[in-house]
Protein backbone atom coordinates (compact mmCIF):
# COMPACT_ATOMS: atom_id res chain seq x y z
CA MET A 1 -5.69 -0.72 -5.74
CA ALA A 2 -3.96 1.68 -4.06
CA THR A 3 -0.69 0.43 -2.78
CA PRO A 4 1.18 2.06 0.31
CA ALA A 5 3.80 3.26 -1.98
CA GLU A 6 1.51 5.02 -3.95
CA LEU A 7 -0.26 6.48 -1.15
CA GLU A 8 2.93 7.57 0.49
CA ARG A 9 3.53 9.70 -2.61
CA ARG A 10 0.17 11.12 -2.60
CA TYR A 11 -0.34 12.21 1.17
CA THR A 12 1.68 13.86 3.94
CA LEU A 13 1.04 12.31 7.34
CA LEU A 14 -1.56 14.75 8.25
CA THR A 15 -3.75 14.34 4.77
CA ALA A 16 -3.32 10.61 5.29
CA VAL A 17 -4.46 10.49 8.61
CA GLY A 18 -7.45 12.60 7.55
CA ARG A 19 -8.41 10.27 4.76
CA TYR A 20 -7.86 7.46 7.15
CA ASP A 21 -10.14 9.05 9.76
CA ALA A 22 -12.89 9.76 7.15
CA LEU A 23 -12.92 6.10 5.94
CA ARG A 24 -12.65 4.61 9.47
CA THR A 25 -15.48 6.53 10.51
CA ARG A 26 -17.74 5.58 7.67
CA GLU A 27 -16.71 2.03 8.44
CA VAL A 28 -17.83 2.06 11.94
CA LEU A 29 -21.00 4.18 11.24
CA ALA A 30 -22.22 2.21 8.03
CA ALA A 31 -25.08 -0.07 9.09
CA PRO A 32 -28.10 -1.55 7.46
CA ASP A 33 -30.36 0.79 9.54
CA GLU A 34 -28.33 3.85 8.31
CA PRO A 35 -29.22 4.12 4.54
CA ASP A 36 -27.68 7.61 4.57
CA ILE A 37 -23.91 6.15 5.32
CA LYS A 38 -22.54 4.07 2.34
CA PRO A 39 -20.48 1.03 3.52
CA LEU A 40 -16.90 0.87 2.42
CA GLY A 41 -16.42 -1.08 -0.95
CA ARG A 42 -13.79 -3.44 -1.59
CA GLU A 43 -11.26 -0.82 -2.83
CA GLU A 44 -11.86 1.94 0.05
CA CYS A 45 -11.28 -1.30 2.43
CA LEU A 46 -7.86 -1.88 0.96
CA GLU A 47 -7.16 1.85 0.84
CA LEU A 48 -7.93 1.89 4.44
CA LEU A 49 -5.45 -0.65 5.40
CA ALA A 50 -2.80 0.63 2.94
CA LEU A 51 -3.28 4.14 4.75
CA GLY A 52 -2.89 2.43 8.15
CA GLU A 53 0.74 1.32 6.68
CA VAL A 54 1.46 4.58 5.19
CA ILE A 55 0.56 6.36 8.66
CA ALA A 56 2.81 3.95 10.55
CA LYS A 57 5.79 4.29 8.37
CA LYS A 58 5.62 8.16 8.35
CA ALA A 59 5.03 8.33 12.17
CA ALA A 60 8.13 6.08 12.70
CA TYR A 61 10.26 8.05 10.43
CA GLY A 62 9.13 11.42 12.12
CA GLN A 63 9.84 9.75 15.54
CA GLN A 64 13.43 8.89 14.63
CA LEU A 65 14.21 12.53 13.33
CA SER A 66 13.04 13.80 16.84
CA VAL A 67 15.10 11.21 18.39
CA ARG A 68 18.04 12.83 16.40
CA ALA A 69 16.97 16.38 17.21
CA ALA A 70 16.36 15.29 20.99
CA ARG A 71 19.99 14.11 21.06
CA GLU A 72 21.47 17.13 19.33
CA ALA A 73 19.51 19.40 21.88
CA GLY A 74 21.25 17.49 24.55
CA ALA A 75 18.88 14.64 25.65
CA SER A 76 20.32 11.49 26.97
CA TRP A 77 19.28 8.03 25.84
CA ALA A 78 17.64 7.49 29.04
CA ASP A 79 15.44 10.49 28.47
CA ILE A 80 14.61 9.58 24.95
CA GLY A 81 13.73 6.02 26.29
CA ALA A 82 11.47 7.57 28.74
CA ALA A 83 9.66 9.66 26.36
CA LEU A 84 9.15 6.59 24.15
CA ASP A 85 8.09 4.50 27.04
CA VAL A 86 11.16 2.09 26.41
CA ASP A 87 14.38 1.61 28.38
CA GLU A 88 17.61 3.47 27.27
CA GLU A 89 19.12 0.66 25.53
CA THR A 90 16.07 -0.05 23.50
CA ALA A 91 15.79 3.48 22.36
CA ARG A 92 19.31 3.34 21.33
CA ARG A 93 19.23 0.30 19.28
CA LEU A 94 15.86 1.33 17.56
CA HIS A 95 17.67 4.47 16.63
CA GLU A 96 20.81 2.62 15.28
CA ARG A 97 18.66 0.18 13.37
CA TRP A 98 16.81 3.09 11.97
CA LEU A 99 20.28 4.69 10.83
CA GLU A 100 21.32 1.29 9.45
CA GLY A 101 18.35 1.07 7.23
CA ARG A 102 19.05 4.63 5.66
CA GLN A 103 22.33 3.81 4.47
CA PRO A 104 22.82 3.00 0.78
CA ARG A 105 22.77 -0.58 0.38
CA ASP A 106 24.59 -0.67 -2.99
CA VAL A 107 28.11 0.34 -1.75
CA VAL A 108 30.92 -1.80 -3.34
CA ASP A 109 33.21 -3.60 -1.10
CA SER A 110 36.65 -2.15 -1.95
CA SER A 111 38.34 -5.36 -1.06
CA ASP A 112 36.88 -6.96 -4.26
């Protein structure tokens, strides 16, 4: 079974979307009266689910890189919030959480 971690290494965002689209199209079009279109099997159904996770993660990562680029280009948090369809404070908090998640977690406390 393909896991999101495995697929994330195998696919770029663009190729993951292409594979997702191909599987999703087959899933939608496969019907008993369409013998030329083979329904998805168990492994392909699970791959479709895992690809959805990969796409969401890659898109979120790219979005936050774009937030950083927008800030560096002079965009305000209000501008960024409007582009993301959230308020200014939510845009700022989402980006701060993303930044916190990218920090090394194994930093040793110097007070020990």
